[in-house]
Amino acid sequence: MVLTEIAHRNGGASSDISAERATAADLVADNRLYRQAAVRNGDAAVAAVLEDLERVLVEIASSPSPASHDDLARWREQIQTKGLLFKVTVMGSRVRERHQDASPQPAAKTST
């Protein structure tokens, strides 16, 4: 949601990003844990996406609440250039699929 909000934020002046800053700050630590797990599991592609994502999240989290037009433009460009919205969406879908595949299935009932 943070990426979506920043990517679609319009306006020529500074913009209040208090909510996005707080969410980005919360996500940085989680993102680092997921990236470390991906590295341990040998999933270099996921680790690379999470590294790119972390850079943007850290910048947003550490920026002033009224973000300047230039900051917003720079973040939008990073998000678009690296395809972060698309990559995060695809990764999220894959994680959900893996979670569903790993969930224990109810045992089939047999009639006697």
PDB file of N, CA and C in Angstrom:
ATOM      1  N   MET A   1       0.818  -1.189   0.000  1.00  0.00           N
ATOM      2  CA  MET A   1       0.000   0.000   0.000  1.00  0.00           C
ATOM      3  C   MET A   1       0.868   1.262   0.000  1.00  0.00           C
ATOM      4  N   VAL A   2       1.995   1.210   0.714  1.00  0.00           N
ATOM      5  CA  VAL A   2       2.881   2.388   0.750  1.00  0.00           C
ATOM      6  C   VAL A   2       3.353   2.718  -0.656  1.00  0.00           C
ATOM      7  N   LEU A   3       3.782   1.715  -1.394  1.00  0.00           N
ATOM      8  CA  LEU A   3       4.260   1.958  -2.752  1.00  0.00           C
ATOM      9  C   LEU A   3       3.148   2.513  -3.630  1.00  0.00           C
ATOM     10  N   THR A   4       1.965   1.957  -3.496  1.00  0.00           N
ATOM     11  CA  THR A   4       0.830   2.407  -4.297  1.00  0.00           C
ATOM     12  C   THR A   4       0.493   3.860  -3.984  1.00  0.00           C
ATOM     13  N   GLU A   5       0.449   4.190  -2.702  1.00  0.00           N
ATOM     14  CA  GLU A   5       0.131   5.567  -2.306  1.00  0.00           C
ATOM     15  C   GLU A   5       1.170   6.551  -2.846  1.00  0.00           C
ATOM     16  N   ILE A   6       2.432   6.205  -2.727  1.00  0.00           N
ATOM     17  CA  ILE A   6       3.497   7.096  -3.202  1.00  0.00           C
ATOM     18  C   ILE A   6       3.486   7.170  -4.729  1.00  0.00           C
ATOM     19  N   ALA A   7       3.327   6.038  -5.386  1.00  0.00           N
ATOM     20  CA  ALA A   7       3.359   5.999  -6.846  1.00  0.00           C
ATOM     21  C   ALA A   7       2.234   6.806  -7.470  1.00  0.00           C
ATOM     22  N   HIS A   8       1.109   6.894  -6.783  1.00  0.00           N
ATOM     23  CA  HIS A   8      -0.052   7.579  -7.353  1.00  0.00           C
ATOM     24  C   HIS A   8      -0.341   8.923  -6.711  1.00  0.00           C
ATOM     25  N   ARG A   9       0.562   9.384  -5.880  1.00  0.00           N
ATOM     26  CA  ARG A   9       0.391  10.688  -5.231  1.00  0.00           C
ATOM     27  C   ARG A   9       0.599  11.771  -6.276  1.00  0.00           C
ATOM     28  N   ASN A  10      -0.346  12.661  -6.416  1.00  0.00           N
ATOM     29  CA  ASN A  10      -0.262  13.766  -7.375  1.00  0.00           C
ATOM     30  C   ASN A  10      -0.069  15.078  -6.645  1.00  0.00           C
ATOM     31  N   GLY A  11       0.294  16.045  -7.358  1.00  0.00           N
ATOM     32  CA  GLY A  11       0.417  17.380  -6.778  1.00  0.00           C
ATOM     33  C   GLY A  11       1.765  17.987  -7.077  1.00  0.00           C
ATOM     34  N   GLY A  12       1.794  19.306  -7.116  1.00  0.00           N
ATOM     35  CA  GLY A  12       3.023  19.994  -7.436  1.00  0.00           C
ATOM     36  C   GLY A  12       3.783  20.475  -6.218  1.00  0.00           C
ATOM     37  N   ALA A  13       3.137  20.455  -5.073  1.00  0.00           N
ATOM     38  CA  ALA A  13       3.773  20.976  -3.866  1.00  0.00           C
ATOM     39  C   ALA A  13       4.127  19.820  -2.937  1.00  0.00           C
ATOM     40  N   SER A  14       4.541  20.167  -1.723  1.00  0.00           N
ATOM     41  CA  SER A  14       4.841  19.131  -0.740  1.00  0.00           C
ATOM     42  C   SER A  14       3.544  18.427  -0.351  1.00  0.00           C
ATOM     43  N   SER A  15       3.689  17.228   0.195  1.00  0.00           N
ATOM     44  CA  SER A  15       2.524  16.414   0.503  1.00  0.00           C
ATOM     45  C   SER A  15       2.729  15.703   1.835  1.00  0.00           C
ATOM     46  N   ASP A  16       1.690  15.665   2.651  1.00  0.00           N
ATOM     47  CA  ASP A  16       1.766  14.999   3.946  1.00  0.00           C
ATOM     48  C   ASP A  16       1.773  13.487   3.740  1.00  0.00           C
ATOM     49  N   ILE A  17       2.865  12.871   4.141  1.00  0.00           N
ATOM     50  CA  ILE A  17       2.985  11.419   3.999  1.00  0.00           C
ATOM     51  C   ILE A  17       3.166  10.764   5.367  1.00  0.00           C
ATOM     52  N   SER A  18       2.571  11.344   6.397  1.00  0.00           N
ATOM     53  CA  SER A  18       2.719  10.828   7.764  1.00  0.00           C
ATOM     54  C   SER A  18       2.348   9.353   7.861  1.00  0.00           C
ATOM     55  N   ALA A  19       1.215   8.979   7.297  1.00  0.00           N
ATOM     56  CA  ALA A  19       0.763   7.588   7.371  1.00  0.00           C
ATOM     57  C   ALA A  19       1.718   6.660   6.626  1.00  0.00           C
ATOM     58  N   GLU A  20       2.145   7.074   5.446  1.00  0.00           N
ATOM     59  CA  GLU A  20       3.066   6.253   4.658  1.00  0.00           C
ATOM     60  C   GLU A  20       4.412   6.107   5.364  1.00  0.00           C
ATOM     61  N   ARG A  21       4.883   7.198   5.997  1.00  0.00           N
ATOM     62  CA  ARG A  21       6.148   7.150   6.740  1.00  0.00           C
ATOM     63  C   ARG A  21       6.072   6.139   7.864  1.00  0.00           C
ATOM     64  N   ALA A  22       4.993   6.172   8.636  1.00  0.00           N
ATOM     65  CA  ALA A  22       4.839   5.252   9.770  1.00  0.00           C
ATOM     66  C   ALA A  22       4.772   3.813   9.289  1.00  0.00           C
ATOM     67  N   THR A  23       4.016   3.566   8.241  1.00  0.00           N
ATOM     68  CA  THR A  23       3.906   2.206   7.708  1.00  0.00           C
ATOM     69  C   THR A  23       5.236   1.737   7.147  1.00  0.00           C
ATOM     70  N   ALA A  24       5.930   2.601   6.424  1.00  0.00           N
ATOM     71  CA  ALA A  24       7.238   2.242   5.863  1.00  0.00           C
ATOM     72  C   ALA A  24       8.220   1.900   6.975  1.00  0.00           C
ATOM     73  N   ALA A  25       8.206   2.680   8.059  1.00  0.00           N
ATOM     74  CA  ALA A  25       9.102   2.408   9.187  1.00  0.00           C
ATOM     75  C   ALA A  25       8.806   1.037   9.788  1.00  0.00           C
ATOM     76  N   ASP A  26       7.530   0.691   9.908  1.00  0.00           N
ATOM     77  CA  ASP A  26       7.159  -0.628  10.429  1.00  0.00           C
ATOM     78  C   ASP A  26       7.602  -1.748   9.489  1.00  0.00           C
ATOM     79  N   LEU A  27       7.545  -1.496   8.202  1.00  0.00           N
ATOM     80  CA  LEU A  27       7.857  -2.533   7.215  1.00  0.00           C
ATOM     81  C   LEU A  27       9.351  -2.783   7.029  1.00  0.00           C
ATOM     82  N   VAL A  28      10.184  -1.818   7.366  1.00  0.00           N
ATOM     83  CA  VAL A  28      11.629  -1.967   7.144  1.00  0.00           C
ATOM     84  C   VAL A  28      12.174  -3.188   7.870  1.00  0.00           C
ATOM     85  N   ALA A  29      11.868  -3.332   9.144  1.00  0.00           N
ATOM     86  CA  ALA A  29      12.387  -4.472   9.914  1.00  0.00           C
ATOM     87  C   ALA A  29      11.852  -5.796   9.376  1.00  0.00           C
ATOM     88  N   ASP A  30      10.568  -5.840   9.064  1.00  0.00           N
ATOM     89  CA  ASP A  30       9.989  -7.068   8.503  1.00  0.00           C
ATOM     90  C   ASP A  30      10.629  -7.410   7.170  1.00  0.00           C
ATOM     91  N   ASN A  31      10.825  -6.401   6.339  1.00  0.00           N
ATOM     92  CA  ASN A  31      11.431  -6.606   5.035  1.00  0.00           C
ATOM     93  C   ASN A  31      12.841  -7.190   5.175  1.00  0.00           C
ATOM     94  N   ARG A  32      13.596  -6.683   6.158  1.00  0.00           N
ATOM     95  CA  ARG A  32      14.961  -7.196   6.369  1.00  0.00           C
ATOM     96  C   ARG A  32      14.940  -8.666   6.765  1.00  0.00           C
ATOM     97  N   LEU A  33      14.002  -9.035   7.611  1.00  0.00           N
ATOM     98  CA  LEU A  33      13.894 -10.445   8.014  1.00  0.00           C
ATOM     99  C   LEU A  33      13.554 -11.333   6.822  1.00  0.00           C
ATOM    100  N   TYR A  34      12.612 -10.907   6.005  1.00  0.00           N
ATOM    101  CA  TYR A  34      12.252 -11.681   4.818  1.00  0.00           C
ATOM    102  C   TYR A  34      13.430 -11.776   3.849  1.00  0.00           C
ATOM    103  N   ARG A  35      14.163 -10.674   3.694  1.00  0.00           N
ATOM    104  CA  ARG A  35      15.317 -10.685   2.789  1.00  0.00           C
ATOM    105  C   ARG A  35      16.387 -11.657   3.294  1.00  0.00           C
ATOM    106  N   GLN A  36      16.657 -11.628   4.605  1.00  0.00           N
ATOM    107  CA  GLN A  36      17.643 -12.546   5.172  1.00  0.00           C
ATOM    108  C   GLN A  36      17.203 -14.000   4.990  1.00  0.00           C
ATOM    109  N   ALA A  37      15.922 -14.261   5.158  1.00  0.00           N
ATOM    110  CA  ALA A  37      15.408 -15.622   4.953  1.00  0.00           C
ATOM    111  C   ALA A  37      15.563 -16.037   3.495  1.00  0.00           C
ATOM    112  N   ALA A  38      15.307 -15.119   2.580  1.00  0.00           N
ATOM    113  CA  ALA A  38      15.460 -15.432   1.162  1.00  0.00           C
ATOM    114  C   ALA A  38      16.918 -15.741   0.831  1.00  0.00           C
ATOM    115  N   VAL A  39      17.837 -14.986   1.413  1.00  0.00           N
ATOM    116  CA  VAL A  39      19.262 -15.239   1.191  1.00  0.00           C
ATOM    117  C   VAL A  39      19.635 -16.618   1.726  1.00  0.00           C
ATOM    118  N   ARG A  40      19.175 -16.928   2.955  1.00  0.00           N
ATOM    119  CA  ARG A  40      19.466 -18.242   3.548  1.00  0.00           C
ATOM    120  C   ARG A  40      18.907 -19.382   2.711  1.00  0.00           C
ATOM    121  N   ASN A  41      17.748 -19.156   2.102  1.00  0.00           N
ATOM    122  CA  ASN A  41      17.108 -20.198   1.295  1.00  0.00           C
ATOM    123  C   ASN A  41      17.624 -20.232  -0.139  1.00  0.00           C
ATOM    124  N   GLY A  42      18.561 -19.349  -0.457  1.00  0.00           N
ATOM    125  CA  GLY A  42      19.147 -19.338  -1.796  1.00  0.00           C
ATOM    126  C   GLY A  42      18.256 -18.721  -2.855  1.00  0.00           C
ATOM    127  N   ASP A  43      17.274 -17.938  -2.449  1.00  0.00           N
ATOM    128  CA  ASP A  43      16.358 -17.313  -3.402  1.00  0.00           C
ATOM    129  C   ASP A  43      16.854 -15.904  -3.714  1.00  0.00           C
ATOM    130  N   ALA A  44      17.838 -15.836  -4.606  1.00  0.00           N
ATOM    131  CA  ALA A  44      18.496 -14.567  -4.932  1.00  0.00           C
ATOM    132  C   ALA A  44      17.540 -13.567  -5.575  1.00  0.00           C
ATOM    133  N   ALA A  45      16.603 -14.029  -6.377  1.00  0.00           N
ATOM    134  CA  ALA A  45      15.674 -13.120  -7.050  1.00  0.00           C
ATOM    135  C   ALA A  45      14.789 -12.402  -6.031  1.00  0.00           C
ATOM    136  N   VAL A  46      14.260 -13.139  -5.082  1.00  0.00           N
ATOM    137  CA  VAL A  46      13.421 -12.541  -4.042  1.00  0.00           C
ATOM    138  C   VAL A  46      14.261 -11.599  -3.180  1.00  0.00           C
ATOM    139  N   ALA A  47      15.456 -12.021  -2.819  1.00  0.00           N
ATOM    140  CA  ALA A  47      16.337 -11.184  -2.007  1.00  0.00           C
ATOM    141  C   ALA A  47      16.646  -9.866  -2.719  1.00  0.00           C
ATOM    142  N   ALA A  48      16.842  -9.901  -4.025  1.00  0.00           N
ATOM    143  CA  ALA A  48      17.145  -8.689  -4.785  1.00  0.00           C
ATOM    144  C   ALA A  48      15.951  -7.724  -4.794  1.00  0.00           C
ATOM    145  N   VAL A  49      14.763  -8.266  -4.978  1.00  0.00           N
ATOM    146  CA  VAL A  49      13.566  -7.414  -4.953  1.00  0.00           C
ATOM    147  C   VAL A  49      13.397  -6.791  -3.574  1.00  0.00           C
ATOM    148  N   LEU A  50      13.580  -7.590  -2.538  1.00  0.00           N
ATOM    149  CA  LEU A  50      13.424  -7.079  -1.177  1.00  0.00           C
ATOM    150  C   LEU A  50      14.496  -6.043  -0.845  1.00  0.00           C
ATOM    151  N   GLU A  51      15.671  -6.182  -1.414  1.00  0.00           N
ATOM    152  CA  GLU A  51      16.719  -5.175  -1.203  1.00  0.00           C
ATOM    153  C   GLU A  51      16.325  -3.851  -1.855  1.00  0.00           C
ATOM    154  N   ASP A  52      15.812  -3.917  -3.081  1.00  0.00           N
ATOM    155  CA  ASP A  52      15.340  -2.702  -3.747  1.00  0.00           C
ATOM    156  C   ASP A  52      14.188  -2.071  -2.971  1.00  0.00           C
ATOM    157  N   LEU A  53      13.286  -2.897  -2.491  1.00  0.00           N
ATOM    158  CA  LEU A  53      12.149  -2.415  -1.718  1.00  0.00           C
ATOM    159  C   LEU A  53      12.615  -1.747  -0.431  1.00  0.00           C
ATOM    160  N   GLU A  54      13.599  -2.353   0.225  1.00  0.00           N
ATOM    161  CA  GLU A  54      14.107  -1.795   1.476  1.00  0.00           C
ATOM    162  C   GLU A  54      14.677  -0.392   1.277  1.00  0.00           C
ATOM    163  N   ARG A  55      15.389  -0.192   0.197  1.00  0.00           N
ATOM    164  CA  ARG A  55      15.965   1.130  -0.070  1.00  0.00           C
ATOM    165  C   ARG A  55      14.877   2.196  -0.138  1.00  0.00           C
ATOM    166  N   VAL A  56      13.808   1.897  -0.841  1.00  0.00           N
ATOM    167  CA  VAL A  56      12.716   2.865  -0.975  1.00  0.00           C
ATOM    168  C   VAL A  56      12.016   3.056   0.365  1.00  0.00           C
ATOM    169  N   LEU A  57      11.761   1.963   1.090  1.00  0.00           N
ATOM    170  CA  LEU A  57      11.086   2.072   2.386  1.00  0.00           C
ATOM    171  C   LEU A  57      11.891   2.902   3.380  1.00  0.00           C
ATOM    172  N   VAL A  58      13.204   2.690   3.405  1.00  0.00           N
ATOM    173  CA  VAL A  58      14.062   3.457   4.323  1.00  0.00           C
ATOM    174  C   VAL A  58      14.032   4.939   3.971  1.00  0.00           C
ATOM    175  N   GLU A  59      14.073   5.250   2.686  1.00  0.00           N
ATOM    176  CA  GLU A  59      14.017   6.660   2.278  1.00  0.00           C
ATOM    177  C   GLU A  59      12.697   7.297   2.699  1.00  0.00           C
ATOM    178  N   ILE A  60      11.601   6.590   2.489  1.00  0.00           N
ATOM    179  CA  ILE A  60      10.289   7.132   2.854  1.00  0.00           C
ATOM    180  C   ILE A  60      10.192   7.285   4.367  1.00  0.00           C
ATOM    181  N   ALA A  61      10.617   6.270   5.099  1.00  0.00           N
ATOM    182  CA  ALA A  61      10.519   6.295   6.564  1.00  0.00           C
ATOM    183  C   ALA A  61      11.361   7.411   7.176  1.00  0.00           C
ATOM    184  N   SER A  62      12.473   7.740   6.559  1.00  0.00           N
ATOM    185  CA  SER A  62      13.364   8.738   7.144  1.00  0.00           C
ATOM    186  C   SER A  62      13.157  10.145   6.580  1.00  0.00           C
ATOM    187  N   SER A  63      12.174  10.307   5.718  1.00  0.00           N
ATOM    188  CA  SER A  63      11.925  11.621   5.128  1.00  0.00           C
ATOM    189  C   SER A  63      11.056  12.470   6.037  1.00  0.00           C
ATOM    190  N   PRO A  64      11.065  13.774   5.832  1.00  0.00           N
ATOM    191  CA  PRO A  64      10.153  14.627   6.609  1.00  0.00           C
ATOM    192  C   PRO A  64       8.709  14.374   6.190  1.00  0.00           C
ATOM    193  N   SER A  65       7.789  14.609   7.127  1.00  0.00           N
ATOM    194  CA  SER A  65       6.382  14.332   6.869  1.00  0.00           C
ATOM    195  C   SER A  65       5.819  15.123   5.699  1.00  0.00           C
ATOM    196  N   PRO A  66       6.064  16.387   5.596  1.00  0.00           N
ATOM    197  CA  PRO A  66       5.641  16.995   4.336  1.00  0.00           C
ATOM    198  C   PRO A  66       6.724  16.721   3.293  1.00  0.00           C
ATOM    199  N   ALA A  67       6.559  15.635   2.525  1.00  0.00           N
ATOM    200  CA  ALA A  67       7.551  15.269   1.514  1.00  0.00           C
ATOM    201  C   ALA A  67       7.504  16.273   0.376  1.00  0.00           C
ATOM    202  N   SER A  68       8.667  16.621  -0.114  1.00  0.00           N
ATOM    203  CA  SER A  68       8.735  17.581  -1.208  1.00  0.00           C
ATOM    204  C   SER A  68       8.292  16.922  -2.517  1.00  0.00           C
ATOM    205  N   HIS A  69       7.943  17.775  -3.445  1.00  0.00           N
ATOM    206  CA  HIS A  69       7.571  17.301  -4.784  1.00  0.00           C
ATOM    207  C   HIS A  69       8.720  16.491  -5.392  1.00  0.00           C
ATOM    208  N   ASP A  70       9.958  16.948  -5.186  1.00  0.00           N
ATOM    209  CA  ASP A  70      11.131  16.261  -5.735  1.00  0.00           C
ATOM    210  C   ASP A  70      11.304  14.875  -5.117  1.00  0.00           C
ATOM    211  N   ASP A  71      11.080  14.759  -3.791  1.00  0.00           N
ATOM    212  CA  ASP A  71      11.178  13.449  -3.137  1.00  0.00           C
ATOM    213  C   ASP A  71      10.137  12.490  -3.703  1.00  0.00           C
ATOM    214  N   LEU A  72       8.917  12.966  -3.811  1.00  0.00           N
ATOM    215  CA  LEU A  72       7.844  12.124  -4.346  1.00  0.00           C
ATOM    216  C   LEU A  72       8.155  11.679  -5.772  1.00  0.00           C
ATOM    217  N   ALA A  73       8.657  12.597  -6.582  1.00  0.00           N
ATOM    218  CA  ALA A  73       9.004  12.273  -7.970  1.00  0.00           C
ATOM    219  C   ALA A  73      10.127  11.235  -8.016  1.00  0.00           C
ATOM    220  N   ARG A  74      11.125  11.386  -7.144  1.00  0.00           N
ATOM    221  CA  ARG A  74      12.242  10.436  -7.110  1.00  0.00           C
ATOM    222  C   ARG A  74      11.762   9.041  -6.709  1.00  0.00           C
ATOM    223  N   TRP A  75      10.899   8.975  -5.689  1.00  0.00           N
ATOM    224  CA  TRP A  75      10.386   7.677  -5.254  1.00  0.00           C
ATOM    225  C   TRP A  75       9.522   7.034  -6.326  1.00  0.00           C
ATOM    226  N   ARG A  76       8.684   7.843  -6.980  1.00  0.00           N
ATOM    227  CA  ARG A  76       7.856   7.307  -8.067  1.00  0.00           C
ATOM    228  C   ARG A  76       8.734   6.719  -9.160  1.00  0.00           C
ATOM    229  N   GLU A  77       9.801   7.432  -9.484  1.00  0.00           N
ATOM    230  CA  GLU A  77      10.708   6.937 -10.528  1.00  0.00           C
ATOM    231  C   GLU A  77      11.374   5.631 -10.094  1.00  0.00           C
ATOM    232  N   GLN A  78      11.823   5.535  -8.855  1.00  0.00           N
ATOM    233  CA  GLN A  78      12.434   4.301  -8.358  1.00  0.00           C
ATOM    234  C   GLN A  78      11.436   3.146  -8.408  1.00  0.00           C
ATOM    235  N   ILE A  79      10.220   3.408  -7.975  1.00  0.00           N
ATOM    236  CA  ILE A  79       9.178   2.373  -7.966  1.00  0.00           C
ATOM    237  C   ILE A  79       8.898   1.904  -9.386  1.00  0.00           C
ATOM    238  N   GLN A  80       8.790   2.846 -10.324  1.00  0.00           N
ATOM    239  CA  GLN A  80       8.488   2.497 -11.708  1.00  0.00           C
ATOM    240  C   GLN A  80       9.671   1.852 -12.408  1.00  0.00           C
ATOM    241  N   THR A  81      10.862   2.431 -12.248  1.00  0.00           N
ATOM    242  CA  THR A  81      12.050   1.924 -12.934  1.00  0.00           C
ATOM    243  C   THR A  81      12.357   0.483 -12.539  1.00  0.00           C
ATOM    244  N   LYS A  82      12.227   0.195 -11.267  1.00  0.00           N
ATOM    245  CA  LYS A  82      12.534  -1.145 -10.777  1.00  0.00           C
ATOM    246  C   LYS A  82      11.331  -2.085 -10.848  1.00  0.00           C
ATOM    247  N   GLY A  83      10.174  -1.555 -11.240  1.00  0.00           N
ATOM    248  CA  GLY A  83       8.974  -2.381 -11.338  1.00  0.00           C
ATOM    249  C   GLY A  83       8.545  -2.938  -9.993  1.00  0.00           C
ATOM    250  N   LEU A  84       8.755  -2.167  -8.935  1.00  0.00           N
ATOM    251  CA  LEU A  84       8.515  -2.684  -7.587  1.00  0.00           C
ATOM    252  C   LEU A  84       7.064  -3.066  -7.328  1.00  0.00           C
ATOM    253  N   LEU A  85       6.115  -2.267  -7.793  1.00  0.00           N
ATOM    254  CA  LEU A  85       4.710  -2.617  -7.564  1.00  0.00           C
ATOM    255  C   LEU A  85       4.385  -3.972  -8.169  1.00  0.00           C
ATOM    256  N   PHE A  86       4.796  -4.170  -9.404  1.00  0.00           N
ATOM    257  CA  PHE A  86       4.543  -5.442 -10.081  1.00  0.00           C
ATOM    258  C   PHE A  86       5.251  -6.595  -9.376  1.00  0.00           C
ATOM    259  N   LYS A  87       6.529  -6.409  -9.069  1.00  0.00           N
ATOM    260  CA  LYS A  87       7.302  -7.481  -8.442  1.00  0.00           C
ATOM    261  C   LYS A  87       6.759  -7.848  -7.067  1.00  0.00           C
ATOM    262  N   VAL A  88       6.381  -6.858  -6.274  1.00  0.00           N
ATOM    263  CA  VAL A  88       5.839  -7.134  -4.937  1.00  0.00           C
ATOM    264  C   VAL A  88       4.501  -7.850  -5.054  1.00  0.00           C
ATOM    265  N   THR A  89       3.687  -7.462  -6.024  1.00  0.00           N
ATOM    266  CA  THR A  89       2.401  -8.125  -6.235  1.00  0.00           C
ATOM    267  C   THR A  89       2.608  -9.584  -6.622  1.00  0.00           C
ATOM    268  N   VAL A  90       3.526  -9.839  -7.532  1.00  0.00           N
ATOM    269  CA  VAL A  90       3.811 -11.216  -7.964  1.00  0.00           C
ATOM    270  C   VAL A  90       4.361 -12.034  -6.799  1.00  0.00           C
ATOM    271  N   MET A  91       5.290 -11.453  -6.043  1.00  0.00           N
ATOM    272  CA  MET A  91       5.849 -12.177  -4.893  1.00  0.00           C
ATOM    273  C   MET A  91       4.764 -12.490  -3.882  1.00  0.00           C
ATOM    274  N   GLY A  92       3.872 -11.549  -3.618  1.00  0.00           N
ATOM    275  CA  GLY A  92       2.782 -11.782  -2.680  1.00  0.00           C
ATOM    276  C   GLY A  92       1.891 -12.917  -3.130  1.00  0.00           C
ATOM    277  N   SER A  93       1.600 -12.985  -4.414  1.00  0.00           N
ATOM    278  CA  SER A  93       0.782 -14.075  -4.955  1.00  0.00           C
ATOM    279  C   SER A  93       1.479 -15.412  -4.781  1.00  0.00           C
ATOM    280  N   ARG A  94       2.769 -15.432  -5.050  1.00  0.00           N
ATOM    281  CA  ARG A  94       3.530 -16.687  -4.907  1.00  0.00           C
ATOM    282  C   ARG A  94       3.583 -17.144  -3.455  1.00  0.00           C
ATOM    283  N   VAL A  95       3.750 -16.205  -2.538  1.00  0.00           N
ATOM    284  CA  VAL A  95       3.791 -16.551  -1.116  1.00  0.00           C
ATOM    285  C   VAL A  95       2.447 -17.125  -0.683  1.00  0.00           C
ATOM    286  N   ARG A  96       1.348 -16.490  -1.128  1.00  0.00           N
ATOM    287  CA  ARG A  96       0.017 -17.010  -0.785  1.00  0.00           C
ATOM    288  C   ARG A  96      -0.192 -18.409  -1.352  1.00  0.00           C
ATOM    289  N   GLU A  97       0.266 -18.642  -2.590  1.00  0.00           N
ATOM    290  CA  GLU A  97       0.138 -19.967  -3.197  1.00  0.00           C
ATOM    291  C   GLU A  97       0.933 -21.002  -2.402  1.00  0.00           C
ATOM    292  N   ARG A  98       2.162 -20.658  -2.026  1.00  0.00           N
ATOM    293  CA  ARG A  98       2.986 -21.584  -1.239  1.00  0.00           C
ATOM    294  C   ARG A  98       2.334 -21.882   0.102  1.00  0.00           C
ATOM    295  N   HIS A  99       1.771 -20.847   0.710  1.00  0.00           N
ATOM    296  CA  HIS A  99       1.114 -21.021   2.007  1.00  0.00           C
ATOM    297  C   HIS A  99      -0.093 -21.946   1.863  1.00  0.00           C
ATOM    298  N   GLN A 100      -0.866 -21.768   0.811  1.00  0.00           N
ATOM    299  CA  GLN A 100      -2.025 -22.626   0.593  1.00  0.00           C
ATOM    300  C   GLN A 100      -1.594 -24.054   0.303  1.00  0.00           C
ATOM    301  N   ASP A 101      -0.527 -24.216  -0.473  1.00  0.00           N
ATOM    302  CA  ASP A 101      -0.033 -25.565  -0.792  1.00  0.00           C
ATOM    303  C   ASP A 101       0.522 -26.256   0.446  1.00  0.00           C
ATOM    304  N   ALA A 102       1.090 -25.481   1.370  1.00  0.00           N
ATOM    305  CA  ALA A 102       1.710 -26.045   2.563  1.00  0.00           C
ATOM    306  C   ALA A 102       0.694 -26.282   3.667  1.00  0.00           C
ATOM    307  N   SER A 103      -0.484 -25.677   3.570  1.00  0.00           N
ATOM    308  CA  SER A 103      -1.493 -25.861   4.614  1.00  0.00           C
ATOM    309  C   SER A 103      -1.975 -27.286   4.624  1.00  0.00           C
ATOM    310  N   PRO A 104      -2.129 -27.854   5.823  1.00  0.00           N
ATOM    311  CA  PRO A 104      -2.614 -29.230   5.881  1.00  0.00           C
ATOM    312  C   PRO A 104      -4.033 -29.311   5.343  1.00  0.00           C
ATOM    313  N   GLN A 105      -4.236 -30.290   4.501  1.00  0.00           N
ATOM    314  CA  GLN A 105      -5.559 -30.512   3.928  1.00  0.00           C
ATOM    315  C   GLN A 105      -6.341 -31.437   4.844  1.00  0.00           C
ATOM    316  N   PRO A 106      -7.638 -31.203   4.968  1.00  0.00           N
ATOM    317  CA  PRO A 106      -8.429 -32.100   5.805  1.00  0.00           C
ATOM    318  C   PRO A 106      -8.395 -33.501   5.224  1.00  0.00           C
ATOM    319  N   ALA A 107      -8.326 -34.461   6.127  1.00  0.00           N
ATOM    320  CA  ALA A 107      -8.283 -35.860   5.703  1.00  0.00           C
ATOM    321  C   ALA A 107      -9.601 -36.229   5.050  1.00  0.00           C
ATOM    322  N   ALA A 108      -9.511 -37.008   4.012  1.00  0.00           N
ATOM    323  CA  ALA A 108     -10.716 -37.458   3.320  1.00  0.00           C
ATOM    324  C   ALA A 108     -11.446 -38.447   4.200  1.00  0.00           C
ATOM    325  N   LYS A 109     -12.734 -38.255   4.311  1.00  0.00           N
ATOM    326  CA  LYS A 109     -13.540 -39.171   5.118  1.00  0.00           C
ATOM    327  C   LYS A 109     -13.877 -40.389   4.282  1.00  0.00           C
ATOM    328  N   THR A 110     -13.778 -41.502   4.916  1.00  0.00           N
ATOM    329  CA  THR A 110     -14.146 -42.733   4.228  1.00  0.00           C
ATOM    330  C   THR A 110     -15.410 -43.274   4.864  1.00  0.00           C
ATOM    331  N   SER A 111     -16.254 -43.771   4.054  1.00  0.00           N
ATOM    332  CA  SER A 111     -17.492 -44.344   4.583  1.00  0.00           C
ATOM    333  C   SER A 111     -17.294 -45.833   4.800  1.00  0.00           C
ATOM    334  N   THR A 112     -17.814 -46.292   5.891  1.00  0.00           N
ATOM    335  CA  THR A 112     -17.680 -47.730   6.195  1.00  0.00           C
ATOM    336  C   THR A 112     -19.007 -48.370   6.320  1.00  0.00           C
TER     337      THR A 112
END
